[in-house]
């Protein structure tokens, strides 16, 4: 119920509003419609690129969950920013995703989701890694109590601001070529 109450607040905010999105709180055990969550996180915008930053994306569950997220945006390029492989455990990326290695620093401790859309960039910090997505018998459920906290670009760590500028430049040059 808490999720839907929070979602209702977001739905009642006018679509042309320039106000910051509201935090999204998910509740353990609730059914998860991953596509709807990704649409909500991206502001319903046509997404051109997704950046997910998390130091630790190495387990098979995290790999499966990243692939599930990528399926929501099968037509866009995605980027995973993570540490180099730990103890031989390498992140397995979906076909349309690239991995960029980051160094372990205080500024990259959080887990960030960035959606680059046609008209806007939407940024979130999440209190949980990809492990909050629990697949069971073909359905998704929420594991834990993750919260997505909206962020302005200026609130992102420097390495993400740089990556965002780089990605926006790459997208712009691809559009010129097409």
Protein backbone atom coordinates (compact mmCIF):
# COMPACT_ATOMS: atom_id res chain seq x y z
CA UNK A 1 0.00 0.00 0.00
CA UNK A 2 2.82 2.41 0.85
CA UNK A 3 4.24 2.08 -2.65
CA UNK A 4 0.91 2.91 -4.26
CA UNK A 5 0.33 5.87 -1.95
CA UNK A 6 3.74 7.21 -2.88
CA UNK A 7 3.14 6.45 -6.56
CA UNK A 8 -0.20 8.28 -6.40
CA UNK A 9 1.57 11.44 -5.22
CA UNK A 10 3.89 11.25 -8.22
CA UNK A 11 0.95 10.61 -10.55
CA UNK A 12 -0.89 13.65 -9.18
CA UNK A 13 2.07 15.94 -9.87
CA UNK A 14 1.44 17.78 -13.16
CA UNK A 15 3.58 16.35 -15.97
CA UNK A 16 4.94 19.79 -16.89
CA UNK A 17 5.99 20.49 -13.32
CA UNK A 18 9.62 21.44 -12.90
CA UNK A 19 9.57 20.36 -9.26
CA UNK A 20 11.83 17.57 -8.17
CA UNK A 21 10.34 14.08 -8.24
CA UNK A 22 9.28 12.58 -4.93
CA UNK A 23 11.19 9.69 -3.32
CA UNK A 24 9.92 6.23 -4.20
CA UNK A 25 9.74 3.71 -1.36
CA UNK A 26 9.27 0.04 -2.18
CA UNK A 27 8.06 -2.54 0.33
CA UNK A 28 9.40 -6.06 0.81
CA UNK A 29 7.20 -8.79 -0.59
CA UNK A 30 5.19 -6.53 -2.90
CA UNK A 31 4.85 -7.51 -6.55
CA UNK A 32 7.23 -5.55 -8.75
CA UNK A 33 6.32 -4.45 -12.26
CA UNK A 34 9.83 -3.65 -13.40
CA UNK A 35 8.71 -1.95 -16.61
CA UNK A 36 6.41 0.42 -14.71
CA UNK A 37 9.11 1.19 -12.17
CA UNK A 38 11.59 2.02 -14.95
CA UNK A 39 8.98 4.23 -16.64
CA UNK A 40 8.41 6.03 -13.36
CA UNK A 41 12.14 6.46 -12.77
CA UNK A 42 12.66 7.80 -16.29
CA UNK A 43 9.76 10.22 -15.92
CA UNK A 44 7.86 8.45 -18.71
CA UNK A 45 10.33 9.96 -21.14
CA UNK A 46 11.64 8.22 -24.28
CA UNK A 47 14.99 7.01 -22.95
CA UNK A 48 18.12 7.24 -25.12
CA UNK A 49 20.63 5.93 -22.58
CA UNK A 50 20.76 4.47 -19.07
CA UNK A 51 23.67 4.71 -16.64
CA UNK A 52 23.72 2.49 -13.56
CA UNK A 53 26.53 3.01 -11.05
CA UNK A 54 27.20 0.49 -8.30
CA UNK A 55 30.57 -0.61 -6.95
CA UNK A 56 29.51 -4.22 -6.69
CA UNK A 57 27.76 -5.96 -9.57
CA UNK A 58 29.32 -9.40 -9.59
CA UNK A 59 26.83 -12.05 -8.44
CA UNK A 60 24.66 -14.14 -10.74
CA UNK A 61 21.54 -12.57 -9.19
CA UNK A 62 22.84 -9.07 -9.90
CA UNK A 63 23.66 -10.12 -13.48
CA UNK A 64 20.13 -11.51 -13.97
CA UNK A 65 18.59 -8.38 -12.51
CA UNK A 66 20.69 -6.07 -14.69
CA UNK A 67 19.56 -8.09 -17.71
CA UNK A 68 15.92 -7.69 -16.59
CA UNK A 69 16.39 -3.91 -16.31
CA UNK A 70 18.07 -3.86 -19.75
CA UNK A 71 15.05 -5.64 -21.27
CA UNK A 72 12.91 -2.68 -20.19
CA UNK A 73 15.11 -0.53 -22.45
CA UNK A 74 16.09 -3.02 -25.13
CA UNK A 75 16.53 -0.28 -27.73
CA UNK A 76 18.98 1.92 -25.80
CA UNK A 77 22.60 1.74 -24.84
CA UNK A 78 23.30 1.17 -21.19
CA UNK A 79 26.38 1.67 -19.09
CA UNK A 80 27.40 -0.05 -15.88
CA UNK A 81 29.92 1.81 -13.76
CA UNK A 82 31.46 -0.63 -11.29
CA UNK A 83 34.72 -1.79 -9.73
CA UNK A 84 37.01 -4.22 -11.52
CA UNK A 85 36.22 -7.91 -11.04
CA UNK A 86 36.44 -9.13 -7.46
CA UNK A 87 37.88 -12.61 -6.87
CA UNK A 88 37.30 -13.55 -10.49
CA UNK A 89 33.60 -12.62 -10.42
CA UNK A 90 33.00 -10.57 -13.56
CA UNK A 91 29.76 -8.74 -14.29
CA UNK A 92 27.98 -10.27 -17.27
CA UNK A 93 26.50 -7.48 -19.32
CA UNK A 94 23.46 -7.44 -21.59
CA UNK A 95 24.38 -7.07 -25.27
CA UNK A 96 23.59 -3.36 -25.48
CA UNK A 97 25.50 -2.41 -22.30
CA UNK A 98 29.11 -1.37 -21.70
CA UNK A 99 31.10 -1.61 -18.51
CA UNK A 100 33.23 1.26 -17.30
CA UNK A 101 35.59 0.53 -14.42
CA UNK A 102 35.59 2.97 -11.50
CA UNK A 103 38.08 3.18 -8.66
CA UNK A 104 36.94 2.62 -5.09
CA UNK A 105 36.45 6.10 -3.61
CA UNK A 106 34.11 7.67 -1.07
CA UNK A 107 32.23 9.53 -3.80
CA UNK A 108 31.16 6.36 -5.62
CA UNK A 109 29.82 4.49 -2.62
CA UNK A 110 26.16 5.07 -3.60
CA UNK A 111 24.04 3.37 -6.21
CA UNK A 112 22.85 5.73 -8.91
CA UNK A 113 20.40 5.41 -11.79
CA UNK A 114 20.55 8.00 -14.58
CA UNK A 115 18.08 8.08 -17.45
CA UNK A 116 18.99 10.26 -20.42
CA UNK A 117 15.79 11.06 -22.25
CA UNK A 118 14.84 12.97 -25.35
CA UNK A 119 14.15 16.15 -23.35
CA UNK A 120 15.45 15.61 -19.84
CA UNK A 121 17.88 13.72 -17.66
CA UNK A 122 16.43 12.03 -14.58
CA UNK A 123 18.75 10.98 -11.75
CA UNK A 124 18.14 8.80 -8.69
CA UNK A 125 20.15 7.40 -5.83
CA UNK A 126 18.93 4.07 -4.47
CA UNK A 127 19.50 2.70 -0.98
CA UNK A 128 19.88 -0.81 -2.39
CA UNK A 129 21.78 -2.49 -5.19
CA UNK A 130 20.15 -4.65 -7.84
CA UNK A 131 19.47 -7.28 -5.17
CA UNK A 132 16.12 -5.64 -4.36
CA UNK A 133 14.71 -7.36 -7.47
CA UNK A 134 13.65 -10.89 -6.55
CA UNK A 135 12.51 -13.21 -9.32
CA UNK A 136 10.29 -16.10 -8.37
CA UNK A 137 8.45 -18.36 -10.81
CA UNK A 138 8.57 -15.81 -13.62
CA UNK A 139 7.34 -12.90 -11.51
CA UNK A 140 9.25 -10.14 -9.75
CA UNK A 141 8.94 -9.18 -6.12
CA UNK A 142 10.62 -6.62 -3.91
CA UNK A 143 13.31 -7.89 -1.56
CA UNK A 144 13.95 -5.44 1.26
CA UNK A 145 12.86 -1.83 1.49
CA UNK A 146 14.70 0.11 -1.23
CA UNK A 147 14.15 3.83 -1.60
CA UNK A 148 14.85 5.81 -4.76
CA UNK A 149 15.85 9.38 -3.90
CA UNK A 150 15.63 11.98 -6.69
CA UNK A 151 18.82 13.90 -7.42
CA UNK A 152 19.59 16.99 -9.43
CA UNK A 153 22.56 16.71 -11.78
CA UNK A 154 24.53 19.06 -9.56
CA UNK A 155 24.02 16.67 -6.61
CA UNK A 156 25.66 13.76 -8.43
CA UNK A 157 29.26 12.86 -7.58
CA UNK A 158 31.82 14.40 -9.96
CA UNK A 159 32.64 11.12 -11.71
CA UNK A 160 28.96 10.72 -12.65
CA UNK A 161 28.65 14.31 -13.83
CA UNK A 162 31.66 13.71 -16.08
CA UNK A 163 30.22 10.41 -17.36
CA UNK A 164 26.90 12.10 -18.03
CA UNK A 165 28.58 14.84 -20.09
CA UNK A 166 30.60 12.23 -21.98
CA UNK A 167 27.52 10.11 -22.72
CA UNK A 168 25.45 13.13 -23.79
CA UNK A 169 28.26 14.12 -26.18
CA UNK A 170 28.42 10.59 -27.62
CA UNK A 171 24.65 10.52 -28.11
CA UNK A 172 24.74 13.90 -29.80
CA UNK A 173 27.49 12.83 -32.21
CA UNK A 174 25.54 9.64 -33.04
CA UNK A 175 22.46 11.74 -33.91
CA UNK A 176 24.52 13.96 -36.23
CA UNK A 177 25.83 10.88 -38.08
CA UNK A 178 22.32 9.43 -38.50
